[in-house]
Amino acid sequence: TGLPLLIKYLSPPNIESIEPVRIRIKKELQTLGSWTRAEIATGIIMVLMLLLWLSKSFHGFGTTTVALGGLILILFFKVVSWENMVKNHKAWDTLIWLGGLLTIATSLKESGFIFWFSGILENRLLDFSPTLITLSLALIYFYSMYLFSMLTAHIVALSGAMFLIVHNLGFEPIIIICLIAYFSNLSGCLTNYSTGPIIIYFGNGYVTPSAWFKIGFIVSIYHISIWLGIGSIWWKFLGWW
């Protein structure tokens, strides 16, 4: 319950009551009438894409291929005209800079930078206590999210390296495994490009990048305080450390 109050304090909403919006939505739903041809086509295309994404192991079509196929069908059935699609500058803008960030994340892994970095960390942390090493790795993992544009890419690129460091140092892995699992999701608060939904929200233009980074950093401190503060007490009770 504390996080919504913190967000409200950091970024006070212009509208606190949604009752007028609820009334407006009900009125607009009543005036919609029956489904249009475009709406039916959109629904069928979306269901088809979901089925293809879920059954990738059977047909082998990649997620990008399915998405492009859905886009072609939308154009073919004239759900959206090509002119309107080209004019959607927010979508194209997101595609360009998100693609660049994804390429950077992939290059970091393929170039061996991640394993080189993990080797340096391991050597630097040798003289510290197991608890301090675990906390340091968890914090480094959390804030390294600034370098990634997808939670999945972040997990794939760094989690294995963190586990390897703990294994090589001979520490009990349960704490770092749990911290990596928790922080993999919580670190998404840091930037306006960390996850797909966040990119969509940011694309609406309601929050500036500077405000997002500032509030995201404060929220990250809140998350870490909860999980390393209250969480560590609970883990002690469970006998994890």
C-alpha atoms as a PDB file:
ATOM      1  CA  THR A   1       0.000   0.000   0.000  1.00  0.00           C
ATOM      2  CA  GLY A   2       2.942   2.338   0.428  1.00  0.00           C
ATOM      3  CA  LEU A   3       3.972   2.516  -3.227  1.00  0.00           C
ATOM      4  CA  PRO A   4       0.767   4.161  -4.570  1.00  0.00           C
ATOM      5  CA  LEU A   5       1.019   6.786  -1.818  1.00  0.00           C
ATOM      6  CA  LEU A   6       4.659   7.419  -2.696  1.00  0.00           C
ATOM      7  CA  ILE A   7       3.833   7.813  -6.388  1.00  0.00           C
ATOM      8  CA  LYS A   8       0.967  10.155  -5.529  1.00  0.00           C
ATOM      9  CA  TYR A   9       3.352  12.299  -3.492  1.00  0.00           C
ATOM     10  CA  LEU A  10       6.089  12.330  -6.132  1.00  0.00           C
ATOM     11  CA  SER A  11       3.764  12.887  -9.077  1.00  0.00           C
ATOM     12  CA  PRO A  12       0.398  14.267  -7.910  1.00  0.00           C
ATOM     13  CA  PRO A  13      -2.404  13.338 -10.346  1.00  0.00           C
ATOM     14  CA  ASN A  14      -4.430  16.068 -12.004  1.00  0.00           C
ATOM     15  CA  ILE A  15      -7.602  14.011 -11.601  1.00  0.00           C
ATOM     16  CA  GLU A  16      -8.237  11.989  -8.443  1.00  0.00           C
ATOM     17  CA  SER A  17     -11.846  10.973  -9.023  1.00  0.00           C
ATOM     18  CA  ILE A  18     -12.594   8.648 -11.941  1.00  0.00           C
ATOM     19  CA  GLU A  19     -16.361   8.805 -11.549  1.00  0.00           C
ATOM     20  CA  PRO A  20     -16.850  11.288 -14.445  1.00  0.00           C
ATOM     21  CA  VAL A  21     -14.696   9.061 -16.638  1.00  0.00           C
ATOM     22  CA  ARG A  22     -16.724   6.008 -15.642  1.00  0.00           C
ATOM     23  CA  ILE A  23     -19.971   7.755 -16.559  1.00  0.00           C
ATOM     24  CA  ARG A  24     -18.546   8.876 -19.894  1.00  0.00           C
ATOM     25  CA  ILE A  25     -17.363   5.350 -20.707  1.00  0.00           C
ATOM     26  CA  LYS A  26     -20.813   3.919 -20.018  1.00  0.00           C
ATOM     27  CA  LYS A  27     -22.424   6.490 -22.308  1.00  0.00           C
ATOM     28  CA  GLU A  28     -19.954   5.833 -25.110  1.00  0.00           C
ATOM     29  CA  LEU A  29     -20.438   2.068 -24.796  1.00  0.00           C
ATOM     30  CA  GLN A  30     -24.175   2.542 -25.234  1.00  0.00           C
ATOM     31  CA  THR A  31     -23.650   4.536 -28.433  1.00  0.00           C
ATOM     32  CA  LEU A  32     -21.170   2.122 -29.995  1.00  0.00           C
ATOM     33  CA  GLY A  33     -23.779  -0.203 -31.411  1.00  0.00           C
ATOM     34  CA  SER A  34     -22.841  -3.544 -32.959  1.00  0.00           C
ATOM     35  CA  TRP A  35     -19.319  -4.569 -33.946  1.00  0.00           C
ATOM     36  CA  THR A  36     -17.997  -3.091 -37.153  1.00  0.00           C
ATOM     37  CA  ARG A  37     -16.218  -5.101 -39.844  1.00  0.00           C
ATOM     38  CA  ALA A  38     -12.880  -3.582 -38.814  1.00  0.00           C
ATOM     39  CA  GLU A  39     -13.419  -4.492 -35.154  1.00  0.00           C
ATOM     40  CA  ILE A  40     -14.296  -8.092 -36.004  1.00  0.00           C
ATOM     41  CA  ALA A  41     -11.235  -8.380 -38.244  1.00  0.00           C
ATOM     42  CA  THR A  42      -9.020  -6.939 -35.506  1.00  0.00           C
ATOM     43  CA  GLY A  43     -10.357  -9.420 -32.956  1.00  0.00           C
ATOM     44  CA  ILE A  44      -9.806 -12.402 -35.252  1.00  0.00           C
ATOM     45  CA  ILE A  45      -6.284 -11.255 -36.157  1.00  0.00           C
ATOM     46  CA  MET A  46      -5.337 -10.771 -32.513  1.00  0.00           C
ATOM     47  CA  VAL A  47      -6.619 -14.222 -31.521  1.00  0.00           C
ATOM     48  CA  LEU A  48      -4.764 -15.762 -34.460  1.00  0.00           C
ATOM     49  CA  MET A  49      -1.528 -14.010 -33.473  1.00  0.00           C
ATOM     50  CA  LEU A  50      -1.863 -15.146 -29.860  1.00  0.00           C
ATOM     51  CA  LEU A  51      -2.394 -18.747 -30.954  1.00  0.00           C
ATOM     52  CA  LEU A  52       0.653 -18.589 -33.223  1.00  0.00           C
ATOM     53  CA  TRP A  53       2.799 -17.085 -30.464  1.00  0.00           C
ATOM     54  CA  LEU A  54       1.703 -19.788 -28.022  1.00  0.00           C
ATOM     55  CA  SER A  55       2.309 -22.617 -30.502  1.00  0.00           C
ATOM     56  CA  LYS A  56       5.759 -21.568 -31.718  1.00  0.00           C
ATOM     57  CA  SER A  57       7.216 -24.968 -30.782  1.00  0.00           C
ATOM     58  CA  PHE A  58       4.925 -26.638 -33.342  1.00  0.00           C
ATOM     59  CA  HIS A  59       5.303 -24.388 -36.407  1.00  0.00           C
ATOM     60  CA  GLY A  60       8.602 -22.583 -35.718  1.00  0.00           C
ATOM     61  CA  PHE A  61       7.417 -19.081 -36.645  1.00  0.00           C
ATOM     62  CA  GLY A  62       9.240 -16.427 -34.615  1.00  0.00           C
ATOM     63  CA  THR A  63       7.432 -13.733 -32.655  1.00  0.00           C
ATOM     64  CA  THR A  64       8.580 -11.041 -35.089  1.00  0.00           C
ATOM     65  CA  THR A  65       7.354 -13.039 -38.092  1.00  0.00           C
ATOM     66  CA  VAL A  66       3.931 -13.475 -36.503  1.00  0.00           C
ATOM     67  CA  ALA A  67       3.755  -9.766 -35.640  1.00  0.00           C
ATOM     68  CA  LEU A  68       4.623  -8.754 -39.208  1.00  0.00           C
ATOM     69  CA  GLY A  69       2.032 -11.206 -40.506  1.00  0.00           C
ATOM     70  CA  GLY A  70      -0.598  -9.622 -38.272  1.00  0.00           C
ATOM     71  CA  LEU A  71       0.418  -6.189 -39.529  1.00  0.00           C
ATOM     72  CA  ILE A  72       0.015  -7.327 -43.131  1.00  0.00           C
ATOM     73  CA  LEU A  73      -3.448  -8.722 -42.378  1.00  0.00           C
ATOM     74  CA  ILE A  74      -4.479  -5.452 -40.736  1.00  0.00           C
ATOM     75  CA  LEU A  75      -3.464  -3.596 -43.885  1.00  0.00           C
ATOM     76  CA  PHE A  76      -5.033  -6.203 -46.175  1.00  0.00           C
ATOM     77  CA  PHE A  77      -8.433  -6.013 -44.481  1.00  0.00           C
ATOM     78  CA  LYS A  78      -8.154  -2.203 -44.333  1.00  0.00           C
ATOM     79  CA  VAL A  79      -8.513  -2.049 -40.574  1.00  0.00           C
ATOM     80  CA  VAL A  80      -5.925   0.729 -40.713  1.00  0.00           C
ATOM     81  CA  SER A  81      -4.885   2.477 -43.892  1.00  0.00           C
ATOM     82  CA  TRP A  82      -1.253   2.699 -44.922  1.00  0.00           C
ATOM     83  CA  GLU A  83      -1.439   6.490 -44.716  1.00  0.00           C
ATOM     84  CA  ASN A  84      -2.569   6.403 -41.074  1.00  0.00           C
ATOM     85  CA  MET A  85       0.049   3.816 -40.214  1.00  0.00           C
ATOM     86  CA  VAL A  86       2.849   5.920 -41.681  1.00  0.00           C
ATOM     87  CA  LYS A  87       1.617   8.999 -39.796  1.00  0.00           C
ATOM     88  CA  ASN A  88       1.847   7.214 -36.423  1.00  0.00           C
ATOM     89  CA  HIS A  89       5.198   8.800 -35.597  1.00  0.00           C
ATOM     90  CA  LYS A  90       5.128   7.638 -31.959  1.00  0.00           C
ATOM     91  CA  ALA A  91       5.102   3.993 -33.000  1.00  0.00           C
ATOM     92  CA  TRP A  92       7.934   4.475 -35.493  1.00  0.00           C
ATOM     93  CA  ASP A  93       9.924   6.501 -32.981  1.00  0.00           C
ATOM     94  CA  THR A  94       9.611   3.717 -30.406  1.00  0.00           C
ATOM     95  CA  LEU A  95      10.572   1.097 -32.986  1.00  0.00           C
ATOM     96  CA  ILE A  96      13.768   2.930 -33.936  1.00  0.00           C
ATOM     97  CA  TRP A  97      15.203   3.757 -30.526  1.00  0.00           C
ATOM     98  CA  LEU A  98      14.004   0.553 -28.880  1.00  0.00           C
ATOM     99  CA  GLY A  99      15.671  -1.421 -31.654  1.00  0.00           C
ATOM    100  CA  GLY A 100      18.908   0.420 -30.966  1.00  0.00           C
ATOM    101  CA  LEU A 101      18.764  -0.335 -27.261  1.00  0.00           C
ATOM    102  CA  LEU A 102      18.032  -4.002 -27.936  1.00  0.00           C
ATOM    103  CA  THR A 103      21.016  -4.151 -30.268  1.00  0.00           C
ATOM    104  CA  ILE A 104      23.265  -2.657 -27.591  1.00  0.00           C
ATOM    105  CA  ALA A 105      22.086  -5.221 -25.025  1.00  0.00           C
ATOM    106  CA  THR A 106      22.662  -8.087 -27.457  1.00  0.00           C
ATOM    107  CA  SER A 107      26.094  -6.777 -28.401  1.00  0.00           C
ATOM    108  CA  LEU A 108      27.139  -6.552 -24.746  1.00  0.00           C
ATOM    109  CA  LYS A 109      26.497 -10.262 -24.351  1.00  0.00           C
ATOM    110  CA  GLU A 110      27.825 -11.469 -27.701  1.00  0.00           C
ATOM    111  CA  SER A 111      31.048  -9.465 -27.400  1.00  0.00           C
ATOM    112  CA  GLY A 112      31.879 -11.152 -24.102  1.00  0.00           C
ATOM    113  CA  PHE A 113      31.577  -7.915 -22.132  1.00  0.00           C
ATOM    114  CA  ILE A 114      29.240  -9.477 -19.561  1.00  0.00           C
ATOM    115  CA  PHE A 115      31.613 -12.334 -18.714  1.00  0.00           C
ATOM    116  CA  TRP A 116      34.579  -9.935 -18.700  1.00  0.00           C
ATOM    117  CA  PHE A 117      32.681  -7.674 -16.313  1.00  0.00           C
ATOM    118  CA  SER A 118      31.692 -10.597 -14.067  1.00  0.00           C
ATOM    119  CA  GLY A 119      35.344 -11.661 -13.888  1.00  0.00           C
ATOM    120  CA  ILE A 120      36.358  -8.188 -12.733  1.00  0.00           C
ATOM    121  CA  LEU A 121      33.588  -8.178 -10.132  1.00  0.00           C
ATOM    122  CA  GLU A 122      34.661 -11.555  -8.814  1.00  0.00           C
ATOM    123  CA  ASN A 123      38.263 -10.395  -8.369  1.00  0.00           C
ATOM    124  CA  ARG A 124      37.247  -7.108  -6.754  1.00  0.00           C
ATOM    125  CA  LEU A 125      34.886  -8.744  -4.250  1.00  0.00           C
ATOM    126  CA  LEU A 126      37.152 -11.560  -3.067  1.00  0.00           C
ATOM    127  CA  ASP A 127      38.132  -9.838   0.191  1.00  0.00           C
ATOM    128  CA  PHE A 128      34.599  -8.926   1.252  1.00  0.00           C
ATOM    129  CA  SER A 129      32.237 -10.893   3.485  1.00  0.00           C
ATOM    130  CA  PRO A 130      29.635 -13.192   1.868  1.00  0.00           C
ATOM    131  CA  THR A 131      26.795 -10.892   2.967  1.00  0.00           C
ATOM    132  CA  LEU A 132      28.420  -7.775   1.523  1.00  0.00           C
ATOM    133  CA  ILE A 133      29.247  -9.574  -1.722  1.00  0.00           C
ATOM    134  CA  THR A 134      25.657 -10.773  -2.088  1.00  0.00           C
ATOM    135  CA  LEU A 135      24.260  -7.286  -1.462  1.00  0.00           C
ATOM    136  CA  SER A 136      26.765  -5.716  -3.854  1.00  0.00           C
ATOM    137  CA  LEU A 137      25.884  -8.149  -6.637  1.00  0.00           C
ATOM    138  CA  ALA A 138      22.167  -7.578  -6.071  1.00  0.00           C
ATOM    139  CA  LEU A 139      22.538  -3.784  -6.267  1.00  0.00           C
ATOM    140  CA  ILE A 140      24.770  -3.977  -9.340  1.00  0.00           C
ATOM    141  CA  TYR A 141      22.208  -6.245 -10.986  1.00  0.00           C
ATOM    142  CA  PHE A 142      19.347  -3.897 -10.086  1.00  0.00           C
ATOM    143  CA  TYR A 143      20.925  -0.703 -11.422  1.00  0.00           C
ATOM    144  CA  SER A 144      22.437  -2.339 -14.489  1.00  0.00           C
ATOM    145  CA  MET A 145      18.871  -2.210 -15.813  1.00  0.00           C
ATOM    146  CA  TYR A 146      19.775   1.269 -17.076  1.00  0.00           C
ATOM    147  CA  LEU A 147      21.729  -0.491 -19.842  1.00  0.00           C
ATOM    148  CA  PHE A 148      18.850  -2.679 -21.018  1.00  0.00           C
ATOM    149  CA  SER A 149      15.534  -2.079 -22.733  1.00  0.00           C
ATOM    150  CA  MET A 150      13.803  -5.355 -21.864  1.00  0.00           C
ATOM    151  CA  LEU A 151      13.495  -7.266 -18.613  1.00  0.00           C
ATOM    152  CA  THR A 152      14.074 -10.548 -20.425  1.00  0.00           C
ATOM    153  CA  ALA A 153      17.294  -9.304 -22.034  1.00  0.00           C
ATOM    154  CA  HIS A 154      18.482  -8.072 -18.644  1.00  0.00           C
ATOM    155  CA  ILE A 155      17.783 -11.430 -17.017  1.00  0.00           C
ATOM    156  CA  VAL A 156      19.389 -13.481 -19.773  1.00  0.00           C
ATOM    157  CA  ALA A 157      22.488 -11.300 -19.970  1.00  0.00           C
ATOM    158  CA  LEU A 158      23.332 -10.855 -16.287  1.00  0.00           C
ATOM    159  CA  SER A 159      21.597 -13.353 -14.001  1.00  0.00           C
ATOM    160  CA  GLY A 160      23.813 -16.249 -15.066  1.00  0.00           C
ATOM    161  CA  ALA A 161      26.941 -14.161 -14.493  1.00  0.00           C
ATOM    162  CA  MET A 162      25.807 -13.257 -10.967  1.00  0.00           C
ATOM    163  CA  PHE A 163      25.057 -16.885 -10.132  1.00  0.00           C
ATOM    164  CA  LEU A 164      28.448 -17.920 -11.513  1.00  0.00           C
ATOM    165  CA  ILE A 165      30.276 -15.428  -9.291  1.00  0.00           C
ATOM    166  CA  VAL A 166      28.507 -16.703  -6.171  1.00  0.00           C
ATOM    167  CA  HIS A 167      29.178 -20.308  -7.193  1.00  0.00           C
ATOM    168  CA  ASN A 168      32.884 -19.648  -7.819  1.00  0.00           C
ATOM    169  CA  LEU A 169      33.221 -17.949  -4.442  1.00  0.00           C
ATOM    170  CA  GLY A 170      31.560 -20.912  -2.729  1.00  0.00           C
ATOM    171  CA  PHE A 171      28.638 -19.037  -1.161  1.00  0.00           C
ATOM    172  CA  GLU A 172      25.145 -20.295  -0.396  1.00  0.00           C
ATOM    173  CA  PRO A 173      23.154 -19.325  -3.526  1.00  0.00           C
ATOM    174  CA  ILE A 174      19.616 -19.098  -2.103  1.00  0.00           C
ATOM    175  CA  ILE A 175      19.787 -15.388  -1.198  1.00  0.00           C
ATOM    176  CA  ILE A 176      21.243 -14.175  -4.492  1.00  0.00           C
ATOM    177  CA  ILE A 177      18.823 -16.371  -6.447  1.00  0.00           C
ATOM    178  CA  CYS A 178      15.862 -14.811  -4.642  1.00  0.00           C
ATOM    179  CA  LEU A 179      17.228 -11.273  -4.942  1.00  0.00           C
ATOM    180  CA  ILE A 180      17.833 -11.692  -8.666  1.00  0.00           C
ATOM    181  CA  ALA A 181      14.299 -13.060  -9.075  1.00  0.00           C
ATOM    182  CA  TYR A 182      12.741 -10.152  -7.163  1.00  0.00           C
ATOM    183  CA  PHE A 183      14.944  -7.416  -8.621  1.00  0.00           C
ATOM    184  CA  SER A 184      14.444  -8.686 -12.182  1.00  0.00           C
ATOM    185  CA  ASN A 185      10.914  -7.279 -12.054  1.00  0.00           C
ATOM    186  CA  LEU A 186      11.381  -4.393  -9.639  1.00  0.00           C
ATOM    187  CA  SER A 187      14.255  -2.864 -11.625  1.00  0.00           C
ATOM    188  CA  GLY A 188      11.795  -2.067 -14.407  1.00  0.00           C
ATOM    189  CA  CYS A 189      10.836   1.080 -12.481  1.00  0.00           C
ATOM    190  CA  LEU A 190      14.121   2.801 -13.334  1.00  0.00           C
ATOM    191  CA  THR A 191      13.647   3.886 -16.941  1.00  0.00           C
ATOM    192  CA  ASN A 192      11.034   4.769 -19.521  1.00  0.00           C
ATOM    193  CA  TYR A 193      12.255   1.992 -21.833  1.00  0.00           C
ATOM    194  CA  SER A 194      12.551  -1.006 -19.491  1.00  0.00           C
ATOM    195  CA  THR A 195       9.439  -2.931 -20.570  1.00  0.00           C
ATOM    196  CA  GLY A 196       6.900  -2.999 -23.389  1.00  0.00           C
ATOM    197  CA  PRO A 197       3.967  -1.590 -21.354  1.00  0.00           C
ATOM    198  CA  ILE A 198       6.149   1.188 -19.941  1.00  0.00           C
ATOM    199  CA  ILE A 199       7.193   2.218 -23.445  1.00  0.00           C
ATOM    200  CA  ILE A 200       3.519   2.499 -24.420  1.00  0.00           C
ATOM    201  CA  TYR A 201       2.689   4.569 -21.327  1.00  0.00           C
ATOM    202  CA  PHE A 202       5.646   6.870 -21.901  1.00  0.00           C
ATOM    203  CA  GLY A 203       4.741   7.257 -25.561  1.00  0.00           C
ATOM    204  CA  ASN A 204       1.553   9.079 -24.572  1.00  0.00           C
ATOM    205  CA  GLY A 205       3.689  12.007 -23.479  1.00  0.00           C
ATOM    206  CA  TYR A 206       2.276  12.516 -19.989  1.00  0.00           C
ATOM    207  CA  VAL A 207       5.655  12.173 -18.244  1.00  0.00           C
ATOM    208  CA  THR A 208       8.967  13.691 -19.312  1.00  0.00           C
ATOM    209  CA  PRO A 209      12.105  11.499 -19.437  1.00  0.00           C
ATOM    210  CA  SER A 210      13.774  13.488 -16.641  1.00  0.00           C
ATOM    211  CA  ALA A 211      10.745  13.109 -14.362  1.00  0.00           C
ATOM    212  CA  TRP A 212      10.540   9.389 -15.128  1.00  0.00           C
ATOM    213  CA  PHE A 213      14.223   8.837 -14.280  1.00  0.00           C
ATOM    214  CA  LYS A 214      13.983  10.886 -11.088  1.00  0.00           C
ATOM    215  CA  ILE A 215      10.833   9.214  -9.794  1.00  0.00           C
ATOM    216  CA  GLY A 216      12.058   5.818 -10.953  1.00  0.00           C
ATOM    217  CA  PHE A 217      15.269   6.188  -8.939  1.00  0.00           C
ATOM    218  CA  ILE A 218      13.351   7.166  -5.798  1.00  0.00           C
ATOM    219  CA  VAL A 219      10.988   4.217  -6.279  1.00  0.00           C
ATOM    220  CA  SER A 220      14.012   1.938  -6.678  1.00  0.00           C
ATOM    221  CA  ILE A 221      15.280   3.049  -3.248  1.00  0.00           C
ATOM    222  CA  TYR A 222      11.833   2.295  -1.838  1.00  0.00           C
ATOM    223  CA  HIS A 223      11.854  -1.202  -3.364  1.00  0.00           C
ATOM    224  CA  ILE A 224      15.370  -1.971  -2.153  1.00  0.00           C
ATOM    225  CA  SER A 225      14.593  -0.701   1.352  1.00  0.00           C
ATOM    226  CA  ILE A 226      11.587  -3.010   1.593  1.00  0.00           C
ATOM    227  CA  TRP A 227      13.231  -6.123   0.171  1.00  0.00           C
ATOM    228  CA  LEU A 228      16.627  -5.731   1.846  1.00  0.00           C
ATOM    229  CA  GLY A 229      15.160  -4.341   5.071  1.00  0.00           C
ATOM    230  CA  ILE A 230      11.986  -6.189   5.975  1.00  0.00           C
ATOM    231  CA  GLY A 231      12.853  -8.949   3.522  1.00  0.00           C
ATOM    232  CA  SER A 232      16.190  -9.740   5.169  1.00  0.00           C
ATOM    233  CA  ILE A 233      14.477 -10.121   8.552  1.00  0.00           C
ATOM    234  CA  TRP A 234      12.000 -12.576   7.045  1.00  0.00           C
ATOM    235  CA  TRP A 235      14.781 -14.508   5.315  1.00  0.00           C
ATOM    236  CA  LYS A 236      16.611 -14.750   8.654  1.00  0.00           C
ATOM    237  CA  PHE A 237      13.443 -16.181  10.173  1.00  0.00           C
ATOM    238  CA  LEU A 238      13.311 -18.733   7.342  1.00  0.00           C
ATOM    239  CA  GLY A 239      16.913 -19.689   7.999  1.00  0.00           C
ATOM    240  CA  TRP A 240      18.248 -18.577   4.610  1.00  0.00           C
ATOM    241  CA  TRP A 241      21.230 -16.805   6.140  1.00  0.00           C
END
